[in-house]
C-alpha atoms as a PDB file:
ATOM      1  CA  UNK A   1      -1.999   2.022   7.784  1.00  0.00           C
ATOM      2  CA  UNK A   2      -4.330   2.477   6.719  1.00  0.00           C
ATOM      3  CA  UNK A   3      -2.170   4.564   9.040  1.00  0.00           C
ATOM      4  CA  UNK A   4      -3.651   6.582  11.846  1.00  0.00           C
ATOM      5  CA  UNK A   5      -2.268   9.578  13.601  1.00  0.00           C
ATOM      6  CA  UNK A   6      -1.882   8.636  17.251  1.00  0.00           C
ATOM      7  CA  UNK A   7       1.846   9.169  17.394  1.00  0.00           C
ATOM      8  CA  UNK A   8       2.755   5.557  16.744  1.00  0.00           C
ATOM      9  CA  UNK A   9       0.768   5.284  13.542  1.00  0.00           C
ATOM     10  CA  UNK A  10      -0.311   1.808  14.506  1.00  0.00           C
ATOM     11  CA  UNK A  11      -4.087   2.285  14.124  1.00  0.00           C
ATOM     12  CA  UNK A  12      -4.651  -0.354  16.752  1.00  0.00           C
ATOM     13  CA  UNK A  13      -4.876  -1.250  20.398  1.00  0.00           C
ATOM     14  CA  UNK A  14      -3.351  -3.850  22.691  1.00  0.00           C
ATOM     15  CA  UNK A  15      -5.322  -6.802  24.004  1.00  0.00           C
ATOM     16  CA  UNK A  16      -3.298  -8.766  26.547  1.00  0.00           C
ATOM     17  CA  UNK A  17      -0.211  -6.968  25.171  1.00  0.00           C
ATOM     18  CA  UNK A  18      -0.939  -8.176  21.633  1.00  0.00           C
ATOM     19  CA  UNK A  19      -1.480  -5.630  18.852  1.00  0.00           C
ATOM     20  CA  UNK A  20      -5.039  -5.593  17.492  1.00  0.00           C
ATOM     21  CA  UNK A  21      -5.703  -3.446  14.415  1.00  0.00           C
ATOM     22  CA  UNK A  22      -8.772  -1.221  14.493  1.00  0.00           C
ATOM     23  CA  UNK A  23     -10.668  -2.251  11.373  1.00  0.00           C
ATOM     24  CA  UNK A  24     -13.710  -0.004  11.814  1.00  0.00           C
ATOM     25  CA  UNK A  25     -13.521   2.077   8.657  1.00  0.00           C
ATOM     26  CA  UNK A  26     -16.065   4.296   6.903  1.00  0.00           C
ATOM     27  CA  UNK A  27     -17.913   1.528   5.042  1.00  0.00           C
ATOM     28  CA  UNK A  28     -19.452   3.536   2.192  1.00  0.00           C
ATOM     29  CA  UNK A  29     -18.684   2.420  -1.360  1.00  0.00           C
ATOM     30  CA  UNK A  30     -18.520   4.219  -4.686  1.00  0.00           C
ATOM     31  CA  UNK A  31     -20.414   1.992  -7.099  1.00  0.00           C
ATOM     32  CA  UNK A  32     -21.461   1.877 -10.725  1.00  0.00           C
ATOM     33  CA  UNK A  33     -25.021   0.862  -9.872  1.00  0.00           C
ATOM     34  CA  UNK A  34     -26.146   4.162  -8.424  1.00  0.00           C
ATOM     35  CA  UNK A  35     -26.671   4.791  -4.732  1.00  0.00           C
ATOM     36  CA  UNK A  36     -25.496   7.793  -2.752  1.00  0.00           C
ATOM     37  CA  UNK A  37     -21.967   7.608  -4.155  1.00  0.00           C
ATOM     38  CA  UNK A  38     -22.091   6.775  -7.877  1.00  0.00           C
ATOM     39  CA  UNK A  39     -18.953   6.359  -9.967  1.00  0.00           C
ATOM     40  CA  UNK A  40     -18.358   9.661 -11.767  1.00  0.00           C
ATOM     41  CA  UNK A  41     -15.211  10.847 -13.448  1.00  0.00           C
ATOM     42  CA  UNK A  42     -13.758  13.935 -11.796  1.00  0.00           C
ATOM     43  CA  UNK A  43     -16.073  13.832  -8.769  1.00  0.00           C
ATOM     44  CA  UNK A  44     -13.682  12.330  -6.214  1.00  0.00           C
ATOM     45  CA  UNK A  45     -10.077  12.641  -5.054  1.00  0.00           C
ATOM     46  CA  UNK A  46      -7.967   9.770  -3.765  1.00  0.00           C
ATOM     47  CA  UNK A  47      -5.724  10.856  -0.889  1.00  0.00           C
ATOM     48  CA  UNK A  48      -2.634   8.773  -0.187  1.00  0.00           C
ATOM     49  CA  UNK A  49       0.803   8.802   1.389  1.00  0.00           C
ATOM     50  CA  UNK A  50       3.597   7.034  -0.449  1.00  0.00           C
ATOM     51  CA  UNK A  51       4.972   5.857   2.897  1.00  0.00           C
ATOM     52  CA  UNK A  52       1.885   3.817   3.755  1.00  0.00           C
ATOM     53  CA  UNK A  53       1.638   0.234   2.391  1.00  0.00           C
ATOM     54  CA  UNK A  54      -2.158   0.257   2.406  1.00  0.00           C
ATOM     55  CA  UNK A  55      -2.241   3.534   0.451  1.00  0.00           C
ATOM     56  CA  UNK A  56       0.468   2.179  -1.849  1.00  0.00           C
ATOM     57  CA  UNK A  57      -2.006  -0.523  -2.925  1.00  0.00           C
ATOM     58  CA  UNK A  58      -4.439   2.136  -4.131  1.00  0.00           C
ATOM     59  CA  UNK A  59      -1.671   4.040  -5.928  1.00  0.00           C
ATOM     60  CA  UNK A  60      -0.611   0.902  -7.813  1.00  0.00           C
ATOM     61  CA  UNK A  61      -4.145  -0.219  -8.714  1.00  0.00           C
ATOM     62  CA  UNK A  62      -5.140   3.266  -9.891  1.00  0.00           C
ATOM     63  CA  UNK A  63      -2.032   3.394 -12.084  1.00  0.00           C
ATOM     64  CA  UNK A  64      -2.400  -0.127 -13.522  1.00  0.00           C
ATOM     65  CA  UNK A  65      -6.037   0.544 -14.425  1.00  0.00           C
ATOM     66  CA  UNK A  66      -5.308   3.987 -15.900  1.00  0.00           C
ATOM     67  CA  UNK A  67      -7.714   5.868 -13.652  1.00  0.00           C
ATOM     68  CA  UNK A  68      -5.570   8.987 -13.376  1.00  0.00           C
ATOM     69  CA  UNK A  69      -7.848  11.190 -15.470  1.00  0.00           C
ATOM     70  CA  UNK A  70     -11.036  10.043 -13.717  1.00  0.00           C
ATOM     71  CA  UNK A  71      -9.800   9.972 -10.121  1.00  0.00           C
ATOM     72  CA  UNK A  72      -7.308  12.650  -9.108  1.00  0.00           C
ATOM     73  CA  UNK A  73      -4.774  11.965  -6.377  1.00  0.00           C
ATOM     74  CA  UNK A  74      -3.496  14.043  -3.471  1.00  0.00           C
ATOM     75  CA  UNK A  75      -0.233  13.005  -1.833  1.00  0.00           C
ATOM     76  CA  UNK A  76       0.524  13.621   1.828  1.00  0.00           C
ATOM     77  CA  UNK A  77       4.047  13.858   3.189  1.00  0.00           C
ATOM     78  CA  UNK A  78       5.746  10.946   4.953  1.00  0.00           C
ATOM     79  CA  UNK A  79       5.398  12.125   8.554  1.00  0.00           C
ATOM     80  CA  UNK A  80       2.490  13.394  10.590  1.00  0.00           C
ATOM     81  CA  UNK A  81       1.579  14.645  14.038  1.00  0.00           C
ATOM     82  CA  UNK A  82      -1.003  13.274  16.464  1.00  0.00           C
ATOM     83  CA  UNK A  83      -3.807  14.968  14.526  1.00  0.00           C
ATOM     84  CA  UNK A  84      -3.391  13.939  10.925  1.00  0.00           C
ATOM     85  CA  UNK A  85      -1.398  13.386   7.773  1.00  0.00           C
ATOM     86  CA  UNK A  86      -0.594  16.767   6.195  1.00  0.00           C
ATOM     87  CA  UNK A  87      -0.155  18.060   2.647  1.00  0.00           C
ATOM     88  CA  UNK A  88       3.304  19.400   3.357  1.00  0.00           C
ATOM     89  CA  UNK A  89       4.590  18.433  -0.113  1.00  0.00           C
ATOM     90  CA  UNK A  90       2.301  20.975  -1.806  1.00  0.00           C
ATOM     91  CA  UNK A  91       2.897  24.720  -2.203  1.00  0.00           C
ATOM     92  CA  UNK A  92       1.730  26.468   0.935  1.00  0.00           C
ATOM     93  CA  UNK A  93       1.266  23.024   2.510  1.00  0.00           C
ATOM     94  CA  UNK A  94      -2.329  22.952   1.217  1.00  0.00           C
ATOM     95  CA  UNK A  95      -3.811  20.379  -1.160  1.00  0.00           C
ATOM     96  CA  UNK A  96      -4.372  22.296  -4.412  1.00  0.00           C
ATOM     97  CA  UNK A  97      -7.729  20.631  -5.116  1.00  0.00           C
ATOM     98  CA  UNK A  98      -9.243  20.162  -1.668  1.00  0.00           C
ATOM     99  CA  UNK A  99      -7.843  23.416  -0.292  1.00  0.00           C
ATOM    100  CA  UNK A 100      -7.035  21.890   3.107  1.00  0.00           C
ATOM    101  CA  UNK A 101      -3.730  21.496   4.970  1.00  0.00           C
ATOM    102  CA  UNK A 102      -4.462  18.113   6.543  1.00  0.00           C
ATOM    103  CA  UNK A 103      -6.690  15.168   5.687  1.00  0.00           C
ATOM    104  CA  UNK A 104      -8.317  15.378   9.115  1.00  0.00           C
ATOM    105  CA  UNK A 105     -10.260  18.365   7.757  1.00  0.00           C
ATOM    106  CA  UNK A 106     -12.024  16.161   5.194  1.00  0.00           C
ATOM    107  CA  UNK A 107     -13.012  13.648   7.880  1.00  0.00           C
ATOM    108  CA  UNK A 108     -14.400  16.355  10.137  1.00  0.00           C
ATOM    109  CA  UNK A 109     -16.212  17.983   7.216  1.00  0.00           C
ATOM    110  CA  UNK A 110     -18.407  14.895   6.949  1.00  0.00           C
ATOM    111  CA  UNK A 111     -18.259  13.659  10.569  1.00  0.00           C
ATOM    112  CA  UNK A 112     -17.788  16.679  12.904  1.00  0.00           C
ATOM    113  CA  UNK A 113     -17.260  14.450  15.938  1.00  0.00           C
ATOM    114  CA  UNK A 114     -15.225  11.733  14.159  1.00  0.00           C
ATOM    115  CA  UNK A 115     -13.112   9.969  16.785  1.00  0.00           C
ATOM    116  CA  UNK A 116     -11.515   7.049  14.966  1.00  0.00           C
ATOM    117  CA  UNK A 117      -8.178   6.937  13.165  1.00  0.00           C
ATOM    118  CA  UNK A 118      -7.614   9.546  10.452  1.00  0.00           C
ATOM    119  CA  UNK A 119      -6.315   7.134   7.837  1.00  0.00           C
ATOM    120  CA  UNK A 120      -5.018   6.933   4.306  1.00  0.00           C
ATOM    121  CA  UNK A 121      -5.957   5.931   1.721  1.00  0.00           C
ATOM    122  CA  UNK A 122      -9.289   7.665   1.613  1.00  0.00           C
ATOM    123  CA  UNK A 123     -11.516   9.034  -1.121  1.00  0.00           C
ATOM    124  CA  UNK A 124     -12.980  12.521  -0.763  1.00  0.00           C
ATOM    125  CA  UNK A 125     -16.076  13.920  -2.486  1.00  0.00           C
ATOM    126  CA  UNK A 126     -15.035  17.196  -4.126  1.00  0.00           C
ATOM    127  CA  UNK A 127     -18.493  18.774  -3.962  1.00  0.00           C
ATOM    128  CA  UNK A 128     -18.816  18.470  -0.182  1.00  0.00           C
ATOM    129  CA  UNK A 129     -15.149  18.189   0.791  1.00  0.00           C
ATOM    130  CA  UNK A 130     -16.009  15.210   3.010  1.00  0.00           C
ATOM    131  CA  UNK A 131     -14.524  11.727   3.138  1.00  0.00           C
ATOM    132  CA  UNK A 132     -16.597   9.082   1.372  1.00  0.00           C
ATOM    133  CA  UNK A 133     -14.645   5.991   2.413  1.00  0.00           C
ATOM    134  CA  UNK A 134     -11.363   4.868   3.943  1.00  0.00           C
ATOM    135  CA  UNK A 135     -12.061   1.138   3.652  1.00  0.00           C
ATOM    136  CA  UNK A 136      -8.746   0.313   1.996  1.00  0.00           C
ATOM    137  CA  UNK A 137      -9.523  -3.373   1.433  1.00  0.00           C
ATOM    138  CA  UNK A 138     -12.756  -2.756  -0.465  1.00  0.00           C
ATOM    139  CA  UNK A 139     -11.530   0.411  -2.154  1.00  0.00           C
ATOM    140  CA  UNK A 140      -9.088  -1.240  -4.538  1.00  0.00           C
ATOM    141  CA  UNK A 141     -11.500  -4.039  -5.410  1.00  0.00           C
ATOM    142  CA  UNK A 142     -14.070  -1.393  -6.324  1.00  0.00           C
ATOM    143  CA  UNK A 143     -11.546   0.404  -8.513  1.00  0.00           C
ATOM    144  CA  UNK A 144     -11.280  -2.874 -10.448  1.00  0.00           C
ATOM    145  CA  UNK A 145     -14.957  -3.828 -10.554  1.00  0.00           C
ATOM    146  CA  UNK A 146     -16.959  -0.588 -10.295  1.00  0.00           C
ATOM    147  CA  UNK A 147     -14.823   1.906 -12.228  1.00  0.00           C
ATOM    148  CA  UNK A 148     -14.597  -0.172 -15.440  1.00  0.00           C
ATOM    149  CA  UNK A 149     -16.110   2.620 -17.564  1.00  0.00           C
ATOM    150  CA  UNK A 150     -12.987   4.657 -16.874  1.00  0.00           C
ATOM    151  CA  UNK A 151     -10.357   1.921 -17.195  1.00  0.00           C
ATOM    152  CA  UNK A 152      -7.704   2.553 -19.833  1.00  0.00           C
ATOM    153  CA  UNK A 153      -7.655   0.455 -22.967  1.00  0.00           C
ATOM    154  CA  UNK A 154      -5.584  -2.621 -22.136  1.00  0.00           C
ATOM    155  CA  UNK A 155      -6.157  -2.413 -18.383  1.00  0.00           C
ATOM    156  CA  UNK A 156      -5.493  -5.769 -16.697  1.00  0.00           C
ATOM    157  CA  UNK A 157      -8.182  -7.714 -14.866  1.00  0.00           C
ATOM    158  CA  UNK A 158      -6.836  -7.542 -11.332  1.00  0.00           C
ATOM    159  CA  UNK A 159      -9.796  -9.359  -9.756  1.00  0.00           C
ATOM    160  CA  UNK A 160     -10.833 -12.035 -12.284  1.00  0.00           C
ATOM    161  CA  UNK A 161     -14.181 -13.508 -11.385  1.00  0.00           C
ATOM    162  CA  UNK A 162     -13.225 -17.205 -11.841  1.00  0.00           C
ATOM    163  CA  UNK A 163     -10.394 -16.776  -9.311  1.00  0.00           C
ATOM    164  CA  UNK A 164     -12.141 -14.644  -6.710  1.00  0.00           C
ATOM    165  CA  UNK A 165     -13.003 -17.374  -4.199  1.00  0.00           C
ATOM    166  CA  UNK A 166      -9.411 -18.611  -4.036  1.00  0.00           C
ATOM    167  CA  UNK A 167      -8.005 -15.094  -4.269  1.00  0.00           C
ATOM    168  CA  UNK A 168     -10.049 -13.944  -1.293  1.00  0.00           C
ATOM    169  CA  UNK A 169      -8.665 -16.806   0.800  1.00  0.00           C
ATOM    170  CA  UNK A 170      -5.076 -16.088  -0.254  1.00  0.00           C
ATOM    171  CA  UNK A 171      -5.457 -12.359   0.359  1.00  0.00           C
ATOM    172  CA  UNK A 172      -6.967 -12.978   3.777  1.00  0.00           C
ATOM    173  CA  UNK A 173      -3.971 -15.091   4.788  1.00  0.00           C
ATOM    174  CA  UNK A 174      -1.581 -12.468   3.434  1.00  0.00           C
ATOM    175  CA  UNK A 175      -3.393  -9.706   5.292  1.00  0.00           C
ATOM    176  CA  UNK A 176      -3.559 -11.446   8.658  1.00  0.00           C
ATOM    177  CA  UNK A 177      -0.096 -12.982   8.785  1.00  0.00           C
ATOM    178  CA  UNK A 178       2.037 -10.816   6.481  1.00  0.00           C
ATOM    179  CA  UNK A 179       0.598  -7.337   5.851  1.00  0.00           C
ATOM    180  CA  UNK A 180      -0.651  -7.013   9.420  1.00  0.00           C
ATOM    181  CA  UNK A 181       1.735  -9.650  10.761  1.00  0.00           C
ATOM    182  CA  UNK A 182       4.722  -7.307  10.574  1.00  0.00           C
ATOM    183  CA  UNK A 183       2.796  -4.805  12.717  1.00  0.00           C
ATOM    184  CA  UNK A 184       1.828  -7.475  15.211  1.00  0.00           C
ATOM    185  CA  UNK A 185       5.511  -8.264  15.600  1.00  0.00           C
ATOM    186  CA  UNK A 186       6.656  -4.663  15.639  1.00  0.00           C
ATOM    187  CA  UNK A 187       4.127  -3.426  18.179  1.00  0.00           C
ATOM    188  CA  UNK A 188       4.038  -6.544  20.351  1.00  0.00           C
ATOM    189  CA  UNK A 189       3.919  -5.775  24.039  1.00  0.00           C
ATOM    190  CA  UNK A 190       5.349  -9.054  25.320  1.00  0.00           C
ATOM    191  CA  UNK A 191       8.011 -11.514  24.232  1.00  0.00           C
ATOM    192  CA  UNK A 192       5.377 -14.205  23.787  1.00  0.00           C
ATOM    193  CA  UNK A 193       3.143 -12.123  21.501  1.00  0.00           C
ATOM    194  CA  UNK A 194       6.164 -10.962  19.505  1.00  0.00           C
ATOM    195  CA  UNK A 195       7.471 -14.484  18.957  1.00  0.00           C
ATOM    196  CA  UNK A 196       4.022 -15.730  17.979  1.00  0.00           C
ATOM    197  CA  UNK A 197       3.608 -12.972  15.376  1.00  0.00           C
ATOM    198  CA  UNK A 198       7.197 -13.387  14.139  1.00  0.00           C
ATOM    199  CA  UNK A 199       6.847 -17.143  13.706  1.00  0.00           C
ATOM    200  CA  UNK A 200       3.456 -16.862  11.956  1.00  0.00           C
ATOM    201  CA  UNK A 201       4.870 -14.242   9.612  1.00  0.00           C
ATOM    202  CA  UNK A 202       7.807 -16.342   8.480  1.00  0.00           C
ATOM    203  CA  UNK A 203       5.748 -19.512   8.261  1.00  0.00           C
ATOM    204  CA  UNK A 204       3.406 -17.696   5.872  1.00  0.00           C
ATOM    205  CA  UNK A 205       6.336 -16.261   3.900  1.00  0.00           C
ATOM    206  CA  UNK A 206       7.701 -19.799   3.537  1.00  0.00           C
ATOM    207  CA  UNK A 207       4.269 -20.933   2.312  1.00  0.00           C
ATOM    208  CA  UNK A 208       4.175 -18.101  -0.209  1.00  0.00           C
ATOM    209  CA  UNK A 209       7.676 -18.949  -1.425  1.00  0.00           C
ATOM    210  CA  UNK A 210       6.591 -22.551  -2.005  1.00  0.00           C
ATOM    211  CA  UNK A 211       3.538 -21.333  -3.925  1.00  0.00           C
ATOM    212  CA  UNK A 212       5.637 -19.026  -6.085  1.00  0.00           C
ATOM    213  CA  UNK A 213       8.462 -21.478  -6.759  1.00  0.00           C
ATOM    214  CA  UNK A 214       6.636 -22.953  -9.730  1.00  0.00           C
ATOM    215  CA  UNK A 215       4.425 -20.106 -10.920  1.00  0.00           C
ATOM    216  CA  UNK A 216       5.255 -16.514 -11.719  1.00  0.00           C
ATOM    217  CA  UNK A 217       2.478 -14.800  -9.768  1.00  0.00           C
ATOM    218  CA  UNK A 218       0.293 -15.674  -6.818  1.00  0.00           C
ATOM    219  CA  UNK A 219      -2.715 -16.695  -8.881  1.00  0.00           C
ATOM    220  CA  UNK A 220      -0.835 -18.122 -11.864  1.00  0.00           C
ATOM    221  CA  UNK A 221       0.446 -16.498 -15.037  1.00  0.00           C
ATOM    222  CA  UNK A 222      -0.855 -12.943 -14.595  1.00  0.00           C
ATOM    223  CA  UNK A 223      -0.743 -10.179 -12.006  1.00  0.00           C
ATOM    224  CA  UNK A 224      -3.770  -9.780  -9.761  1.00  0.00           C
ATOM    225  CA  UNK A 225      -4.748  -7.737  -6.727  1.00  0.00           C
ATOM    226  CA  UNK A 226      -3.184 -10.462  -4.572  1.00  0.00           C
ATOM    227  CA  UNK A 227       0.251  -9.608  -5.953  1.00  0.00           C
ATOM    228  CA  UNK A 228      -0.312  -5.915  -5.298  1.00  0.00           C
ATOM    229  CA  UNK A 229      -1.149  -6.645  -1.668  1.00  0.00           C
ATOM    230  CA  UNK A 230       1.899  -8.815  -1.068  1.00  0.00           C
ATOM    231  CA  UNK A 231       4.286  -6.514  -2.936  1.00  0.00           C
ATOM    232  CA  UNK A 232       3.677  -3.468  -0.750  1.00  0.00           C
ATOM    233  CA  UNK A 233       4.850  -5.403   2.317  1.00  0.00           C
ATOM    234  CA  UNK A 234       7.792  -7.085   0.596  1.00  0.00           C
ATOM    235  CA  UNK A 235       9.164  -3.824  -0.786  1.00  0.00           C
ATOM    236  CA  UNK A 236       9.250  -2.387   2.747  1.00  0.00           C
ATOM    237  CA  UNK A 237      10.685  -5.498   4.345  1.00  0.00           C
ATOM    238  CA  UNK A 238      14.422  -4.818   4.374  1.00  0.00           C
ATOM    239  CA  UNK A 239      14.239  -0.996   4.689  1.00  0.00           C
ATOM    240  CA  UNK A 240      11.830  -1.124   7.643  1.00  0.00           C
ATOM    241  CA  UNK A 241      10.306  -4.364   8.892  1.00  0.00           C
ATOM    242  CA  UNK A 242      13.482  -6.430   9.271  1.00  0.00           C
ATOM    243  CA  UNK A 243      15.055  -4.036  11.772  1.00  0.00           C
ATOM    244  CA  UNK A 244      12.412  -1.576  12.955  1.00  0.00           C
ATOM    245  CA  UNK A 245       9.749  -4.248  13.523  1.00  0.00           C
ATOM    246  CA  UNK A 246      12.214  -7.013  14.513  1.00  0.00           C
ATOM    247  CA  UNK A 247      11.090  -9.294  11.671  1.00  0.00           C
ATOM    248  CA  UNK A 248      14.622 -10.561  11.449  1.00  0.00           C
ATOM    249  CA  UNK A 249      14.770 -14.294  10.844  1.00  0.00           C
ATOM    250  CA  UNK A 250      15.883 -13.354   7.347  1.00  0.00           C
ATOM    251  CA  UNK A 251      16.013 -10.344   5.097  1.00  0.00           C
ATOM    252  CA  UNK A 252      13.994 -10.408   1.906  1.00  0.00           C
ATOM    253  CA  UNK A 253      17.279 -10.540  -0.001  1.00  0.00           C
ATOM    254  CA  UNK A 254      17.997 -13.828   1.819  1.00  0.00           C
ATOM    255  CA  UNK A 255      14.766 -15.484   0.635  1.00  0.00           C
ATOM    256  CA  UNK A 256      15.580 -16.347  -2.994  1.00  0.00           C
ATOM    257  CA  UNK A 257      12.097 -17.010  -4.379  1.00  0.00           C
ATOM    258  CA  UNK A 258      10.404 -14.036  -2.736  1.00  0.00           C
ATOM    259  CA  UNK A 259      13.311 -11.728  -3.526  1.00  0.00           C
ATOM    260  CA  UNK A 260      13.198 -12.642  -7.227  1.00  0.00           C
ATOM    261  CA  UNK A 261       9.388 -12.367  -7.254  1.00  0.00           C
ATOM    262  CA  UNK A 262       9.507  -8.946  -5.603  1.00  0.00           C
ATOM    263  CA  UNK A 263      12.095  -7.717  -8.126  1.00  0.00           C
ATOM    264  CA  UNK A 264       9.944  -9.028 -10.968  1.00  0.00           C
ATOM    265  CA  UNK A 265       7.032  -6.916  -9.749  1.00  0.00           C
ATOM    266  CA  UNK A 266       9.245  -3.926  -8.952  1.00  0.00           C
ATOM    267  CA  UNK A 267      10.484  -3.890 -12.530  1.00  0.00           C
ATOM    268  CA  UNK A 268       6.929  -4.067 -13.873  1.00  0.00           C
ATOM    269  CA  UNK A 269       5.468  -0.631 -14.787  1.00  0.00           C
ATOM    270  CA  UNK A 270       3.055   0.483 -12.107  1.00  0.00           C
ATOM    271  CA  UNK A 271       4.875  -1.136  -9.186  1.00  0.00           C
ATOM    272  CA  UNK A 272       8.437   0.047  -8.625  1.00  0.00           C
ATOM    273  CA  UNK A 273       7.695   3.478 -10.058  1.00  0.00           C
ATOM    274  CA  UNK A 274       5.296   4.126  -7.143  1.00  0.00           C
ATOM    275  CA  UNK A 275       7.893   3.385  -4.445  1.00  0.00           C
ATOM    276  CA  UNK A 276       9.462   6.243  -2.498  1.00  0.00           C
ATOM    277  CA  UNK A 277      12.024   4.673  -0.181  1.00  0.00           C
ATOM    278  CA  UNK A 278      12.850   8.027   1.444  1.00  0.00           C
ATOM    279  CA  UNK A 279       9.214   8.511   2.431  1.00  0.00           C
ATOM    280  CA  UNK A 280       8.926   4.934   3.656  1.00  0.00           C
ATOM    281  CA  UNK A 281      11.940   5.138   5.943  1.00  0.00           C
ATOM    282  CA  UNK A 282      11.129   8.652   7.178  1.00  0.00           C
ATOM    283  CA  UNK A 283       7.626   7.646   8.155  1.00  0.00           C
ATOM    284  CA  UNK A 284       8.379   4.546  10.165  1.00  0.00           C
ATOM    285  CA  UNK A 285      11.556   5.697  11.883  1.00  0.00           C
ATOM    286  CA  UNK A 286      10.377   9.247  12.647  1.00  0.00           C
ATOM    287  CA  UNK A 287       6.692   8.726  13.498  1.00  0.00           C
ATOM    288  CA  UNK A 288       6.995   5.523  15.533  1.00  0.00           C
ATOM    289  CA  UNK A 289       8.680   7.222  18.475  1.00  0.00           C
ATOM    290  CA  UNK A 290       7.639   4.485  20.887  1.00  0.00           C
ATOM    291  CA  UNK A 291       9.817   2.059  18.889  1.00  0.00           C
ATOM    292  CA  UNK A 292      12.528   4.479  17.719  1.00  0.00           C
ATOM    293  CA  UNK A 293      12.628   7.360  20.233  1.00  0.00           C
ATOM    294  CA  UNK A 294      15.737   8.960  18.731  1.00  0.00           C
ATOM    295  CA  UNK A 295      14.093   9.432  15.346  1.00  0.00           C
ATOM    296  CA  UNK A 296      17.336   8.426  13.629  1.00  0.00           C
ATOM    297  CA  UNK A 297      16.679   7.128  10.105  1.00  0.00           C
ATOM    298  CA  UNK A 298      19.055   4.341   8.938  1.00  0.00           C
ATOM    299  CA  UNK A 299      21.230   5.015   5.908  1.00  0.00           C
ATOM    300  CA  UNK A 300      20.764   1.544   4.365  1.00  0.00           C
ATOM    301  CA  UNK A 301      19.956  -0.828   2.874  1.00  0.00           C
ATOM    302  CA  UNK A 302      21.334  -0.750  -0.669  1.00  0.00           C
ATOM    303  CA  UNK A 303      18.501  -0.121  -3.107  1.00  0.00           C
ATOM    304  CA  UNK A 304      19.943  -0.322  -6.614  1.00  0.00           C
ATOM    305  CA  UNK A 305      19.832  -4.114  -6.350  1.00  0.00           C
ATOM    306  CA  UNK A 306      16.077  -3.897  -6.971  1.00  0.00           C
ATOM    307  CA  UNK A 307      17.041  -3.419 -10.613  1.00  0.00           C
ATOM    308  CA  UNK A 308      19.096  -6.620 -10.840  1.00  0.00           C
ATOM    309  CA  UNK A 309      17.789  -9.378 -13.170  1.00  0.00           C
ATOM    310  CA  UNK A 310      15.238 -11.626 -11.484  1.00  0.00           C
ATOM    311  CA  UNK A 311      15.060 -14.573 -13.883  1.00  0.00           C
ATOM    312  CA  UNK A 312      11.343 -15.123 -13.326  1.00  0.00           C
ATOM    313  CA  UNK A 313      10.680 -14.954 -17.077  1.00  0.00           C
ATOM    314  CA  UNK A 314      11.697 -18.623 -17.178  1.00  0.00           C
ATOM    315  CA  UNK A 315       8.376 -19.444 -15.511  1.00  0.00           C
ATOM    316  CA  UNK A 316       6.516 -17.978 -18.465  1.00  0.00           C
ATOM    317  CA  UNK A 317       3.354 -16.040 -17.869  1.00  0.00           C
ATOM    318  CA  UNK A 318       2.060 -12.723 -19.148  1.00  0.00           C
ATOM    319  CA  UNK A 319       2.088 -10.076 -16.410  1.00  0.00           C
ATOM    320  CA  UNK A 320      -0.837  -8.099 -17.892  1.00  0.00           C
ATOM    321  CA  UNK A 321      -2.680 -11.037 -19.429  1.00  0.00           C
ATOM    322  CA  UNK A 322      -4.489  -9.839 -22.555  1.00  0.00           C
ATOM    323  CA  UNK A 323      -3.816  -6.255 -21.529  1.00  0.00           C
ATOM    324  CA  UNK A 324      -0.849  -3.933 -21.795  1.00  0.00           C
ATOM    325  CA  UNK A 325       1.479  -2.063 -19.423  1.00  0.00           C
ATOM    326  CA  UNK A 326       0.347   1.356 -18.218  1.00  0.00           C
ATOM    327  CA  UNK A 327       1.713   4.521 -19.790  1.00  0.00           C
ATOM    328  CA  UNK A 328       4.658   6.225 -18.063  1.00  0.00           C
ATOM    329  CA  UNK A 329       3.765   7.827 -14.759  1.00  0.00           C
ATOM    330  CA  UNK A 330       2.530  11.424 -14.971  1.00  0.00           C
ATOM    331  CA  UNK A 331       5.274  13.935 -14.206  1.00  0.00           C
ATOM    332  CA  UNK A 332       3.307  15.464 -11.327  1.00  0.00           C
ATOM    333  CA  UNK A 333       3.060  12.055  -9.644  1.00  0.00           C
ATOM    334  CA  UNK A 334       6.571  10.780 -10.337  1.00  0.00           C
ATOM    335  CA  UNK A 335       8.728   9.656  -7.413  1.00  0.00           C
ATOM    336  CA  UNK A 336      11.916  11.773  -7.210  1.00  0.00           C
ATOM    337  CA  UNK A 337      14.807   9.782  -8.661  1.00  0.00           C
ATOM    338  CA  UNK A 338      16.891  10.369  -5.541  1.00  0.00           C
ATOM    339  CA  UNK A 339      14.213   8.627  -3.456  1.00  0.00           C
ATOM    340  CA  UNK A 340      14.379   5.399  -5.467  1.00  0.00           C
ATOM    341  CA  UNK A 341      17.857   4.771  -6.911  1.00  0.00           C
ATOM    342  CA  UNK A 342      16.723   1.599  -8.702  1.00  0.00           C
ATOM    343  CA  UNK A 343      14.269   3.423 -10.957  1.00  0.00           C
ATOM    344  CA  UNK A 344      16.851   4.747 -13.336  1.00  0.00           C
ATOM    345  CA  UNK A 345      18.338   1.324 -14.005  1.00  0.00           C
ATOM    346  CA  UNK A 346      15.269  -0.957 -13.857  1.00  0.00           C
ATOM    347  CA  UNK A 347      14.277  -2.314 -17.273  1.00  0.00           C
END
């Protein structure tokens, strides 16, 4: 995740039995200053899978900024084969806008001999049907900084310029030791590499808990992109990473500060309403056959507890700063209630 389609979905290789993520993405950017890919409303389509944490970032940022009318979204199903994510949720199993059954087709439309991972999220140019970019780290920052002409009124500033230097450092640590750290543990090829990744992961989680003990969000009083990036790993922690990836020193529900922080975000419009726990569990437990060869998907954990009071309001803060919450999610993009039992009871 940005997930690839080589059976295990790991989008990486093993160097001395240690998982190394392939980070060679299509580097093109969609920018407001012109260039080959200018920002234009209605020109592009964001393709995601709700199962994927990296795609989940783009879903959340797009929703918080109110970009739904300017940037349409195609949603792939939770599982895939060795070739590609597929649009098996759509009628006829074909994306209604792109007219293709699998996202691989958009990669090959632009790069006929493309040999790297076929990943989500990606943005596709509707005129050519080809992928513009799958650089998930830059993509969400550009949605914040380049697509401002299409932001909704009251959109939050998710990448405030005065905080960017510190934010970039925090997000880098989160990426290396948490977002990617769970994969390094889960796909470790030796006991030594597993224990190293496991210990680094929990040391960083402890550091994050200390940081959040006295402030509501990672960068202070308001939500930023850093919170989005941490949330998509935390929300998958107990359903997937604790057992499937052996990240089992503690469950999220056993880490009081992070558990309350995660619930605070979950109950914030734009976060929890993007989470499809059924898709998340189906993807990891079915696709990662090297880790879970039976394909059995666990029944737990309990999910309604995501709606329990978090108490983080006592720290003050304004989640959206000078902005406002996003409007309710569009019906066509809503997560089925059965896939997220906490949605109906979250405030």
